[in-house]
N, C-alpha and C. Protein backbone atom coordinates (compact mmCIF):
# COMPACT_ATOMS: atom_id res chain seq x y z
N UNK A 1 4.71 -173.67 5.59
CA UNK A 1 4.30 -175.14 5.14
C UNK A 1 3.64 -175.72 6.35
N UNK A 2 2.55 -176.45 6.02
CA UNK A 2 1.89 -177.28 7.01
C UNK A 2 2.59 -178.79 7.15
N UNK A 3 2.10 -179.31 8.17
CA UNK A 3 2.75 -180.67 8.54
C UNK A 3 2.63 -181.61 7.43
N UNK A 4 1.33 -181.64 6.66
CA UNK A 4 1.17 -182.70 5.61
C UNK A 4 2.12 -182.42 4.43
N UNK A 5 2.37 -181.10 4.08
CA UNK A 5 3.25 -180.80 2.96
C UNK A 5 4.64 -181.08 3.47
N UNK A 6 5.10 -180.91 4.62
CA UNK A 6 6.34 -181.29 5.11
C UNK A 6 6.64 -182.83 5.06
N UNK A 7 5.61 -183.47 5.46
CA UNK A 7 5.71 -184.99 5.30
C UNK A 7 5.90 -185.41 3.74
N UNK A 8 5.10 -184.84 2.91
CA UNK A 8 5.25 -185.07 1.58
C UNK A 8 6.49 -184.76 0.99
N UNK A 9 7.05 -183.68 1.36
CA UNK A 9 8.41 -183.30 0.94
C UNK A 9 9.43 -184.02 1.51
N UNK A 10 9.52 -184.48 2.66
CA UNK A 10 10.37 -185.50 3.34
C UNK A 10 10.47 -186.77 2.68
N UNK A 11 9.09 -187.49 2.22
CA UNK A 11 9.03 -188.73 1.55
C UNK A 11 9.70 -188.47 0.08
N UNK A 12 9.39 -187.44 -0.39
CA UNK A 12 9.93 -187.28 -1.87
C UNK A 12 11.53 -187.14 -1.86
N UNK A 13 12.05 -186.29 -0.76
CA UNK A 13 13.53 -186.26 -0.74
C UNK A 13 14.17 -187.50 -0.37
N UNK A 14 13.65 -188.19 0.47
CA UNK A 14 14.13 -189.66 0.81
C UNK A 14 14.15 -190.47 -0.37
N UNK A 15 13.16 -190.49 -1.21
CA UNK A 15 12.91 -191.24 -2.52
C UNK A 15 14.16 -190.65 -3.56
N UNK A 16 14.31 -189.38 -3.48
CA UNK A 16 15.43 -188.75 -4.33
C UNK A 16 16.95 -189.36 -3.87
N UNK A 17 16.99 -189.49 -2.63
CA UNK A 17 18.26 -190.16 -1.87
C UNK A 17 18.47 -191.36 -2.31
N UNK A 18 17.32 -192.26 -2.29
CA UNK A 18 17.45 -193.66 -2.64
C UNK A 18 17.96 -193.61 -4.04
N UNK A 19 17.40 -192.97 -4.93
CA UNK A 19 17.72 -192.94 -6.49
C UNK A 19 19.23 -192.54 -6.59
N UNK A 20 19.77 -191.70 -5.90
CA UNK A 20 21.17 -191.25 -5.89
C UNK A 20 22.02 -192.45 -5.40
N UNK A 21 21.61 -193.14 -4.26
CA UNK A 21 22.30 -194.27 -3.79
C UNK A 21 22.38 -195.48 -4.85
N UNK A 22 21.30 -195.79 -5.54
CA UNK A 22 21.21 -196.66 -6.58
C UNK A 22 22.27 -196.34 -7.75
N UNK A 23 22.35 -195.03 -7.92
CA UNK A 23 23.24 -194.57 -9.03
C UNK A 23 24.72 -194.63 -8.47
N UNK A 24 25.13 -194.94 -7.32
CA UNK A 24 26.28 -194.95 -6.60
C UNK A 24 26.75 -193.47 -6.58
N UNK A 25 25.98 -192.52 -6.22
CA UNK A 25 26.28 -191.23 -6.03
C UNK A 25 25.65 -190.70 -4.61
N UNK A 26 26.10 -191.44 -3.61
CA UNK A 26 25.56 -191.12 -2.26
C UNK A 26 26.09 -189.82 -1.77
N UNK A 27 27.05 -189.18 -2.34
CA UNK A 27 27.62 -187.80 -1.89
C UNK A 27 26.48 -186.91 -2.19
N UNK A 28 25.52 -187.05 -3.29
CA UNK A 28 24.60 -186.11 -3.35
C UNK A 28 23.53 -186.05 -2.25
N UNK A 29 23.59 -186.95 -1.45
CA UNK A 29 22.59 -187.12 -0.32
C UNK A 29 22.94 -186.42 0.77
N UNK A 30 24.25 -185.68 1.00
CA UNK A 30 24.76 -184.86 2.01
C UNK A 30 23.78 -183.80 2.22
N UNK A 31 23.48 -182.99 1.30
CA UNK A 31 22.57 -181.73 1.69
C UNK A 31 21.25 -182.17 1.70
N UNK A 32 20.77 -183.21 0.85
CA UNK A 32 19.31 -183.79 1.12
C UNK A 32 19.13 -184.28 2.38
N UNK A 33 20.21 -184.92 3.12
CA UNK A 33 20.05 -185.43 4.38
C UNK A 33 19.66 -184.28 5.40
N UNK A 34 20.51 -183.23 5.19
CA UNK A 34 20.27 -182.12 6.08
C UNK A 34 18.78 -181.29 5.95
N UNK A 35 18.58 -181.34 4.62
CA UNK A 35 17.04 -180.88 4.24
C UNK A 35 15.97 -181.73 4.94
N UNK A 36 16.23 -183.09 4.82
CA UNK A 36 15.24 -184.07 5.41
C UNK A 36 15.17 -183.73 6.96
N UNK A 37 16.26 -183.52 7.52
CA UNK A 37 16.24 -183.34 9.04
C UNK A 37 15.56 -181.95 9.34
N UNK A 38 15.80 -180.96 8.56
CA UNK A 38 14.97 -179.66 8.92
C UNK A 38 13.42 -179.93 8.80
N UNK A 39 13.13 -180.65 7.59
CA UNK A 39 11.68 -181.01 7.49
C UNK A 39 11.27 -181.79 8.72
N UNK A 40 11.82 -182.77 9.12
CA UNK A 40 11.44 -183.65 10.10
C UNK A 40 11.32 -182.94 11.40
N UNK A 41 12.30 -182.25 11.84
CA UNK A 41 12.26 -181.32 13.05
C UNK A 41 11.09 -180.44 13.16
N UNK A 42 10.72 -179.94 12.05
CA UNK A 42 9.66 -178.84 11.83
C UNK A 42 8.25 -179.55 11.88
N UNK A 43 8.17 -180.71 11.78
CA UNK A 43 6.94 -181.62 11.87
C UNK A 43 6.34 -181.42 13.27
N UNK A 44 5.32 -180.80 13.50
CA UNK A 44 4.74 -180.77 14.92
C UNK A 44 3.34 -181.51 14.79
N UNK A 45 3.56 -182.83 15.10
CA UNK A 45 2.23 -183.57 14.98
C UNK A 45 2.49 -184.77 15.90
N UNK A 46 1.65 -184.72 17.02
CA UNK A 46 1.82 -185.84 17.98
C UNK A 46 1.90 -187.30 17.44
N UNK A 47 1.18 -187.46 16.21
CA UNK A 47 1.15 -188.79 15.76
C UNK A 47 2.49 -189.21 15.12
N UNK A 48 3.26 -188.22 14.77
CA UNK A 48 4.59 -188.42 14.26
C UNK A 48 5.73 -188.40 15.15
N UNK A 49 5.44 -187.95 16.31
CA UNK A 49 6.54 -188.00 17.36
C UNK A 49 6.82 -189.38 17.74
N UNK A 50 7.90 -189.67 18.18
CA UNK A 50 8.39 -191.00 18.71
C UNK A 50 8.83 -191.86 17.52
N UNK A 51 8.16 -193.01 17.52
CA UNK A 51 8.60 -194.02 16.51
C UNK A 51 8.43 -193.64 15.00
N UNK A 52 7.46 -192.75 14.64
CA UNK A 52 7.43 -192.27 13.26
C UNK A 52 8.68 -191.45 12.97
N UNK A 53 9.08 -190.60 13.68
CA UNK A 53 10.31 -189.90 13.53
C UNK A 53 11.51 -190.76 13.59
N UNK A 54 11.59 -191.73 14.41
CA UNK A 54 12.52 -192.66 14.61
C UNK A 54 12.79 -193.39 13.26
N UNK A 55 11.68 -193.99 12.65
CA UNK A 55 11.83 -194.68 11.37
C UNK A 55 12.20 -193.76 10.27
N UNK A 56 11.90 -192.46 10.27
CA UNK A 56 12.21 -191.48 9.31
C UNK A 56 13.85 -191.29 9.32
N UNK A 57 14.13 -191.13 10.65
CA UNK A 57 15.73 -191.07 10.84
C UNK A 57 16.51 -192.15 10.18
N UNK A 58 15.90 -193.43 10.34
CA UNK A 58 16.60 -194.71 10.01
C UNK A 58 16.52 -194.51 8.29
N UNK A 59 15.59 -194.08 7.74
CA UNK A 59 15.27 -193.99 6.31
C UNK A 59 16.40 -193.13 5.75
N UNK A 60 16.45 -191.93 6.54
CA UNK A 60 17.72 -190.96 6.10
C UNK A 60 18.95 -191.51 6.19
N UNK A 61 19.36 -191.99 7.38
CA UNK A 61 20.73 -192.58 7.57
C UNK A 61 21.11 -193.60 6.61
N UNK A 62 20.22 -194.35 6.15
CA UNK A 62 20.43 -195.52 5.42
C UNK A 62 20.96 -194.93 3.96
N UNK A 63 20.54 -193.77 3.52
CA UNK A 63 21.06 -193.16 2.34
C UNK A 63 22.19 -192.28 2.45
N UNK A 64 22.83 -192.29 3.54
CA UNK A 64 23.96 -191.34 3.71
C UNK A 64 25.35 -192.13 3.77
N UNK A 65 26.45 -191.48 3.35
CA UNK A 65 27.87 -192.21 3.30
C UNK A 65 28.22 -192.03 4.83
N UNK A 66 27.74 -192.81 5.62
CA UNK A 66 27.86 -192.60 7.10
C UNK A 66 29.37 -192.32 7.63
N UNK A 67 30.41 -193.03 7.14
CA UNK A 67 31.68 -192.76 7.57
C UNK A 67 32.39 -191.68 6.94
N UNK A 68 31.80 -191.13 5.89
CA UNK A 68 32.40 -189.90 5.29
C UNK A 68 31.82 -188.62 5.94
N UNK A 69 30.63 -188.70 6.52
CA UNK A 69 30.01 -187.53 7.33
C UNK A 69 29.57 -187.91 8.74
N UNK A 70 30.61 -188.57 9.31
CA UNK A 70 30.01 -189.10 10.78
C UNK A 70 29.45 -188.28 11.65
N UNK A 71 29.93 -186.94 11.69
CA UNK A 71 29.55 -186.13 12.68
C UNK A 71 27.95 -185.60 12.36
N UNK A 72 27.67 -185.42 10.97
CA UNK A 72 26.36 -185.21 10.58
C UNK A 72 25.37 -186.38 10.86
N UNK A 73 25.93 -187.45 10.69
CA UNK A 73 25.09 -188.72 10.86
C UNK A 73 25.02 -188.87 12.35
N UNK A 74 25.79 -188.58 13.25
CA UNK A 74 25.81 -188.60 14.74
C UNK A 74 24.69 -187.64 15.12
N UNK A 75 24.62 -186.43 14.61
CA UNK A 75 23.55 -185.67 15.02
C UNK A 75 22.26 -186.23 14.72
N UNK A 76 21.98 -186.90 13.59
CA UNK A 76 20.67 -187.36 13.35
C UNK A 76 20.50 -188.63 14.24
N UNK A 77 21.47 -189.46 14.63
CA UNK A 77 21.31 -190.54 15.51
C UNK A 77 20.95 -190.06 16.98
N UNK A 78 21.48 -188.72 17.26
CA UNK A 78 21.09 -188.36 18.73
C UNK A 78 19.68 -187.72 18.67
N UNK A 79 19.22 -187.11 17.60
CA UNK A 79 17.77 -186.78 17.46
C UNK A 79 17.00 -187.98 17.41
N UNK A 80 17.34 -188.95 16.74
CA UNK A 80 16.62 -190.32 16.60
C UNK A 80 16.50 -190.85 18.18
N UNK A 81 17.60 -190.77 18.88
CA UNK A 81 17.60 -191.23 20.19
C UNK A 81 16.48 -190.57 21.17
N UNK A 82 16.45 -189.13 20.91
CA UNK A 82 15.40 -188.35 21.59
C UNK A 82 14.02 -188.79 21.24
N UNK A 83 13.87 -189.06 19.95
CA UNK A 83 12.56 -189.46 19.56
C UNK A 83 12.21 -190.87 19.98
N UNK A 84 13.17 -191.62 20.17
CA UNK A 84 12.89 -193.16 20.76
C UNK A 84 12.39 -192.84 22.12
N UNK A 85 12.87 -192.08 22.83
CA UNK A 85 12.48 -191.77 24.31
C UNK A 85 10.97 -191.39 24.32
N UNK A 86 10.59 -191.01 23.25
CA UNK A 86 9.02 -190.50 23.21
C UNK A 86 8.21 -191.65 22.70
N UNK A 87 8.76 -192.68 22.38
CA UNK A 87 7.87 -193.76 21.73
C UNK A 87 7.11 -194.49 22.62
N UNK A 88 5.95 -195.12 22.46
CA UNK A 88 5.04 -195.87 23.34
C UNK A 88 5.56 -197.17 23.62
N UNK A 89 5.09 -197.64 24.80
CA UNK A 89 5.54 -199.10 25.19
C UNK A 89 5.26 -199.93 23.92
N UNK A 90 3.97 -199.79 23.37
CA UNK A 90 3.62 -200.77 22.29
C UNK A 90 4.63 -200.62 21.01
N UNK A 91 5.08 -199.52 20.67
CA UNK A 91 6.04 -199.16 19.62
C UNK A 91 7.28 -199.93 19.97
N UNK A 92 7.83 -199.76 21.27
CA UNK A 92 8.94 -200.19 21.65
C UNK A 92 8.80 -201.83 21.64
N UNK A 93 7.63 -202.42 21.90
CA UNK A 93 7.61 -203.92 21.86
C UNK A 93 7.80 -204.28 20.57
N UNK A 94 7.12 -203.61 19.61
CA UNK A 94 7.25 -204.03 18.12
C UNK A 94 8.61 -203.84 17.55
N UNK A 95 9.46 -203.21 18.27
CA UNK A 95 10.92 -203.02 17.68
C UNK A 95 11.94 -203.10 18.89
N UNK A 96 11.80 -204.35 19.33
CA UNK A 96 12.65 -204.73 20.68
C UNK A 96 14.19 -204.44 20.53
N UNK A 97 14.75 -204.47 19.55
CA UNK A 97 16.22 -204.42 19.34
C UNK A 97 16.59 -202.85 19.05
N UNK A 98 15.62 -202.16 18.82
CA UNK A 98 15.86 -200.75 18.24
C UNK A 98 16.82 -199.95 19.19
N UNK A 99 16.37 -199.99 20.34
CA UNK A 99 17.17 -199.09 21.37
C UNK A 99 18.68 -199.60 21.44
N UNK A 100 19.03 -200.88 21.50
CA UNK A 100 20.37 -201.45 21.67
C UNK A 100 21.34 -201.12 20.38
N UNK A 101 20.46 -201.28 19.22
CA UNK A 101 21.13 -201.05 17.87
C UNK A 101 21.50 -199.61 17.80
N UNK A 102 20.50 -198.80 18.16
CA UNK A 102 20.86 -197.40 18.22
C UNK A 102 21.93 -196.84 19.01
N UNK A 103 22.10 -197.36 20.17
CA UNK A 103 23.06 -197.05 21.17
C UNK A 103 24.40 -197.54 20.64
N UNK A 104 24.45 -198.78 19.90
CA UNK A 104 25.73 -199.38 19.31
C UNK A 104 26.10 -198.37 18.18
N UNK A 105 25.10 -198.04 17.33
CA UNK A 105 25.39 -197.14 16.25
C UNK A 105 26.21 -195.79 16.67
N UNK A 106 25.61 -195.26 17.70
CA UNK A 106 26.12 -193.90 18.27
C UNK A 106 27.50 -194.21 18.87
N UNK A 107 27.69 -195.36 19.64
CA UNK A 107 28.97 -195.53 20.20
C UNK A 107 30.17 -195.78 19.14
N UNK A 108 29.70 -196.48 17.97
CA UNK A 108 30.64 -196.73 16.94
C UNK A 108 31.03 -195.39 16.15
N UNK A 109 30.06 -194.59 15.92
CA UNK A 109 30.41 -193.31 15.39
C UNK A 109 31.17 -192.49 16.21
N UNK A 110 30.85 -192.40 17.53
CA UNK A 110 31.81 -191.71 18.48
C UNK A 110 33.11 -192.09 18.51
N UNK A 111 33.24 -193.53 18.50
CA UNK A 111 34.69 -194.08 18.50
C UNK A 111 35.42 -193.72 17.19
N UNK A 112 34.60 -193.67 16.18
CA UNK A 112 35.21 -193.39 14.91
C UNK A 112 35.82 -192.02 14.76
N UNK A 113 35.09 -191.06 15.33
CA UNK A 113 35.66 -189.75 15.37
C UNK A 113 36.68 -189.41 16.51
N UNK A 114 36.82 -190.26 17.43
CA UNK A 114 37.64 -190.06 18.69
C UNK A 114 39.04 -190.45 18.16
N UNK A 115 39.57 -189.95 17.31
CA UNK A 115 40.95 -190.14 17.02
C UNK A 115 42.04 -189.86 17.92
N UNK A 116 41.81 -188.98 19.06
CA UNK A 116 42.75 -188.70 20.10
C UNK A 116 42.91 -190.09 20.84
N UNK A 117 41.83 -190.81 21.10
CA UNK A 117 41.94 -191.98 22.04
C UNK A 117 41.76 -193.27 21.43
N UNK A 118 41.33 -193.27 20.15
CA UNK A 118 41.10 -194.64 19.41
C UNK A 118 41.84 -194.56 18.11
N UNK A 119 42.84 -195.43 17.98
CA UNK A 119 43.64 -195.40 16.52
C UNK A 119 42.88 -196.24 15.66
N UNK A 120 43.41 -196.25 14.27
CA UNK A 120 42.68 -196.92 13.31
C UNK A 120 42.69 -198.33 13.69
N UNK A 121 43.84 -198.79 14.08
CA UNK A 121 43.90 -200.19 14.44
C UNK A 121 43.01 -200.50 15.54
N UNK A 122 42.89 -199.73 16.59
CA UNK A 122 42.04 -200.18 17.59
C UNK A 122 40.50 -200.12 17.28
N UNK A 123 40.13 -199.17 16.39
CA UNK A 123 38.81 -199.06 15.76
C UNK A 123 38.58 -200.27 14.99
N UNK A 124 39.45 -200.80 14.11
CA UNK A 124 39.09 -201.92 13.21
C UNK A 124 38.97 -203.20 14.08
N UNK A 125 39.82 -203.31 15.14
CA UNK A 125 39.77 -204.54 15.85
C UNK A 125 38.35 -204.51 16.81
N UNK A 126 38.23 -203.35 17.38
CA UNK A 126 36.85 -203.29 17.99
C UNK A 126 35.60 -203.49 17.13
N UNK A 127 35.69 -203.15 16.06
CA UNK A 127 34.49 -203.26 15.13
C UNK A 127 34.57 -204.20 13.96
N UNK A 128 35.63 -205.18 14.13
CA UNK A 128 35.80 -206.24 13.29
C UNK A 128 35.85 -205.76 11.85
N UNK A 129 36.54 -204.63 11.54
CA UNK A 129 36.75 -203.97 10.23
C UNK A 129 38.23 -204.49 9.86
N UNK A 130 38.34 -204.88 8.50
CA UNK A 130 39.73 -205.43 8.13
C UNK A 130 40.50 -204.38 7.36
N UNK A 131 39.96 -203.41 6.69
CA UNK A 131 40.85 -202.39 5.81
C UNK A 131 41.20 -201.43 6.46
N UNK A 132 42.62 -201.01 6.40
CA UNK A 132 42.93 -199.89 7.01
C UNK A 132 42.48 -198.74 6.11
N UNK A 133 42.38 -197.48 6.76
CA UNK A 133 41.88 -196.26 6.05
C UNK A 133 42.81 -195.08 6.35
N UNK A 134 42.81 -194.13 5.44
CA UNK A 134 43.70 -192.93 5.69
C UNK A 134 43.27 -192.26 6.97
N UNK A 135 44.10 -191.81 7.73
CA UNK A 135 43.62 -191.01 9.05
C UNK A 135 42.80 -189.91 8.79
N UNK A 136 43.02 -189.19 7.52
CA UNK A 136 42.46 -187.80 7.33
C UNK A 136 40.84 -188.12 7.29
N UNK A 137 40.48 -189.37 6.86
CA UNK A 137 39.11 -189.64 6.69
C UNK A 137 38.30 -189.62 7.97
N UNK A 138 38.95 -189.57 8.99
CA UNK A 138 38.20 -189.47 10.48
C UNK A 138 38.33 -188.22 10.90
N UNK A 139 38.67 -187.27 10.14
CA UNK A 139 38.88 -185.85 10.62
C UNK A 139 37.64 -184.92 10.27
N UNK A 140 37.39 -183.76 10.96
CA UNK A 140 36.38 -182.67 10.52
C UNK A 140 36.63 -182.23 9.07
N UNK A 141 38.02 -182.17 8.92
CA UNK A 141 38.50 -181.50 7.58
C UNK A 141 37.95 -182.33 6.49
N UNK A 142 37.93 -183.65 6.44
CA UNK A 142 37.43 -184.57 5.53
C UNK A 142 35.84 -184.38 5.29
N UNK A 143 35.27 -184.40 6.42
CA UNK A 143 33.84 -184.22 6.37
C UNK A 143 33.41 -182.83 5.80
N UNK A 144 34.02 -181.70 6.21
CA UNK A 144 33.84 -180.45 5.81
C UNK A 144 34.02 -180.33 4.18
N UNK A 145 34.90 -181.15 3.63
CA UNK A 145 35.29 -181.16 2.11
C UNK A 145 34.58 -182.21 1.38
N UNK A 146 34.04 -183.17 1.96
CA UNK A 146 33.70 -184.43 1.34
C UNK A 146 32.60 -184.04 0.14
N UNK A 147 31.59 -183.24 0.49
CA UNK A 147 30.56 -182.93 -0.66
C UNK A 147 31.21 -182.29 -1.94
N UNK A 148 31.91 -181.17 -1.65
CA UNK A 148 32.57 -180.63 -2.85
C UNK A 148 33.48 -181.46 -3.63
N UNK A 149 34.49 -182.23 -2.71
CA UNK A 149 35.39 -183.11 -3.54
C UNK A 149 34.71 -184.13 -4.28
N UNK A 150 33.57 -184.69 -3.64
CA UNK A 150 32.98 -185.84 -4.47
C UNK A 150 32.17 -185.22 -5.71
N UNK A 151 31.73 -184.08 -5.48
CA UNK A 151 31.01 -183.28 -6.66
C UNK A 151 32.07 -183.16 -7.86
N UNK A 152 33.19 -182.65 -7.40
CA UNK A 152 34.37 -182.38 -8.37
C UNK A 152 34.85 -183.78 -9.13
N UNK A 153 34.90 -184.81 -8.29
CA UNK A 153 35.45 -186.17 -8.80
C UNK A 153 34.23 -186.60 -9.70
N UNK A 154 33.08 -186.56 -9.48
CA UNK A 154 31.97 -187.02 -10.34
C UNK A 154 32.09 -186.34 -11.73
N UNK A 155 32.25 -184.82 -11.60
CA UNK A 155 32.29 -184.19 -12.79
C UNK A 155 33.50 -184.57 -13.64
N UNK A 156 34.76 -184.94 -13.09
CA UNK A 156 35.79 -185.16 -13.84
C UNK A 156 35.76 -186.66 -14.43
N UNK A 157 35.07 -187.38 -13.76
CA UNK A 157 34.87 -188.90 -13.97
C UNK A 157 33.80 -189.16 -15.17
N UNK A 158 32.86 -188.03 -15.13
CA UNK A 158 31.81 -187.88 -16.17
C UNK A 158 31.06 -189.31 -16.25
N UNK A 159 30.93 -189.90 -17.47
CA UNK A 159 30.13 -191.13 -17.64
C UNK A 159 31.04 -192.30 -17.57
N UNK A 160 32.31 -192.19 -16.82
CA UNK A 160 33.03 -193.29 -16.72
C UNK A 160 32.22 -194.53 -16.20
N UNK A 161 32.18 -195.78 -16.87
CA UNK A 161 31.43 -196.73 -16.26
C UNK A 161 31.73 -197.24 -14.99
N UNK A 162 30.97 -197.39 -14.09
CA UNK A 162 31.03 -197.48 -12.56
C UNK A 162 30.98 -199.16 -12.40
N UNK A 163 31.90 -199.92 -13.13
CA UNK A 163 32.01 -201.37 -13.03
C UNK A 163 33.23 -201.75 -12.52
N UNK A 164 33.64 -202.95 -12.99
CA UNK A 164 34.92 -203.55 -12.62
C UNK A 164 36.06 -202.52 -12.81
N UNK A 165 37.06 -202.33 -11.93
CA UNK A 165 38.00 -201.27 -12.15
C UNK A 165 37.86 -199.94 -12.06
N UNK A 166 36.56 -199.51 -11.75
CA UNK A 166 36.22 -198.08 -11.63
C UNK A 166 36.95 -197.53 -10.26
N UNK A 167 37.02 -198.43 -9.23
CA UNK A 167 37.70 -197.82 -8.14
C UNK A 167 39.05 -197.21 -8.25
N UNK A 168 39.78 -197.78 -9.24
CA UNK A 168 41.18 -197.27 -9.43
C UNK A 168 41.22 -195.87 -10.16
N UNK A 169 40.16 -195.65 -11.13
CA UNK A 169 39.97 -194.29 -11.71
C UNK A 169 39.50 -193.36 -10.55
N UNK A 170 38.56 -193.97 -9.92
CA UNK A 170 37.96 -192.97 -8.78
C UNK A 170 39.09 -192.49 -7.85
N UNK A 171 39.71 -193.47 -7.29
CA UNK A 171 40.85 -193.18 -6.16
C UNK A 171 41.93 -192.28 -6.83
N UNK A 172 42.17 -192.50 -8.10
CA UNK A 172 43.29 -191.61 -8.60
C UNK A 172 42.69 -190.02 -8.86
N UNK A 173 41.55 -189.98 -9.18
CA UNK A 173 40.73 -188.69 -9.30
C UNK A 173 40.60 -188.06 -7.88
N UNK A 174 40.22 -188.91 -7.02
CA UNK A 174 40.04 -188.47 -5.62
C UNK A 174 41.32 -187.88 -4.84
N UNK A 175 42.40 -188.65 -5.26
CA UNK A 175 43.76 -188.04 -4.64
C UNK A 175 44.10 -186.88 -5.18
N UNK A 176 43.87 -186.68 -6.64
CA UNK A 176 44.04 -185.41 -7.36
C UNK A 176 43.33 -184.20 -6.75
N UNK A 177 42.00 -184.42 -6.63
CA UNK A 177 41.12 -183.27 -6.06
C UNK A 177 41.47 -182.97 -4.65
N UNK A 178 41.87 -183.88 -3.98
CA UNK A 178 42.21 -183.69 -2.51
C UNK A 178 43.48 -183.03 -2.42
N UNK A 179 44.39 -183.29 -3.19
CA UNK A 179 45.83 -182.70 -3.33
C UNK A 179 45.60 -181.26 -3.71
N UNK A 180 44.70 -180.94 -4.57
CA UNK A 180 44.46 -179.55 -5.14
C UNK A 180 43.95 -178.74 -3.85
N UNK A 181 43.43 -179.34 -2.97
CA UNK A 181 42.90 -178.66 -1.66
C UNK A 181 43.88 -178.86 -0.40
N UNK A 182 44.99 -179.14 -0.85
CA UNK A 182 46.03 -179.45 0.11
C UNK A 182 45.97 -180.48 1.25
N UNK A 183 45.09 -181.54 0.72
CA UNK A 183 44.79 -182.81 1.60
C UNK A 183 45.53 -183.96 1.00
N UNK A 184 46.43 -184.42 1.84
CA UNK A 184 47.04 -185.70 1.29
C UNK A 184 46.35 -186.91 1.87
N UNK A 185 46.13 -187.82 0.94
CA UNK A 185 45.38 -189.09 1.17
C UNK A 185 45.99 -190.15 0.42
N UNK A 186 45.81 -191.42 1.20
CA UNK A 186 46.23 -192.63 0.58
C UNK A 186 44.94 -193.52 0.36
N UNK A 187 45.05 -194.31 -0.92
CA UNK A 187 43.82 -194.98 -1.19
C UNK A 187 43.82 -196.31 -0.39
N UNK A 188 42.65 -196.98 -0.37
CA UNK A 188 42.65 -198.43 0.22
C UNK A 188 43.63 -199.31 -0.35
N UNK A 189 43.94 -199.13 -1.70
CA UNK A 189 44.79 -200.06 -2.46
C UNK A 189 46.20 -199.83 -1.81
N UNK A 190 46.70 -198.56 -1.57
CA UNK A 190 48.06 -198.42 -1.10
C UNK A 190 48.03 -198.79 0.49
N UNK A 191 47.09 -198.56 1.05
CA UNK A 191 47.14 -198.95 2.59
C UNK A 191 47.01 -200.52 2.80
N UNK A 192 46.41 -201.08 1.89
CA UNK A 192 45.97 -202.60 1.98
C UNK A 192 46.68 -203.31 0.88
N UNK A 193 47.92 -203.23 0.67
CA UNK A 193 48.64 -203.88 -0.52
C UNK A 193 48.33 -205.40 -0.73
N UNK A 194 47.92 -206.12 0.26
CA UNK A 194 47.77 -207.62 0.01
C UNK A 194 46.19 -207.79 -0.40
N UNK A 195 45.44 -206.75 -0.53
CA UNK A 195 44.00 -207.00 -0.86
C UNK A 195 43.72 -206.75 -2.32
N UNK A 196 43.19 -207.47 -2.87
CA UNK A 196 42.68 -207.39 -4.15
C UNK A 196 41.21 -206.54 -4.33
N UNK A 197 41.47 -205.52 -5.20
CA UNK A 197 40.41 -204.69 -5.28
C UNK A 197 39.98 -204.74 -6.81
N UNK A 198 38.56 -204.59 -7.04
CA UNK A 198 38.21 -204.45 -8.46
C UNK A 198 37.72 -203.21 -8.83
């Protein structure tokens, strides 16, 4: 496959990811994100190096469930950081905040997966997040099972309308699917009893 074809495939795949996101099925983007990164890394074109690949990484990450697959996203962010180092001075001037924003995004993901040193409470305080989350969600086990679990939830929920109250049907199904895999999980509603969810 030549560079032109790779770029066309990359653009088409990101478009497919955007459609999945609009349909509230970001889980479908997990393998597509990996596919995009394979295409992006295979592009050998000096014109695309640097800021072009940085912008492609940004487009891919925007369509991923970042905190359900933080290690995969962190790999993309590190590649993005390598590409940013190749950007021209002119490109950097056009995107003056990009370097700091990228470093902050990387630090936040690293803190999120560093459960040994940063508790949920410390993470929430550090990053101004209010809702408690189940500890299992920050582990490699969660990330390794995420795609298949979400796929099974989607199958079981079928055409259930994804409007008001859907979160409760989803959380119930999610708990059941995870339990079948031996994974204990608490919903945001259970962990944050004073919060109203729709």
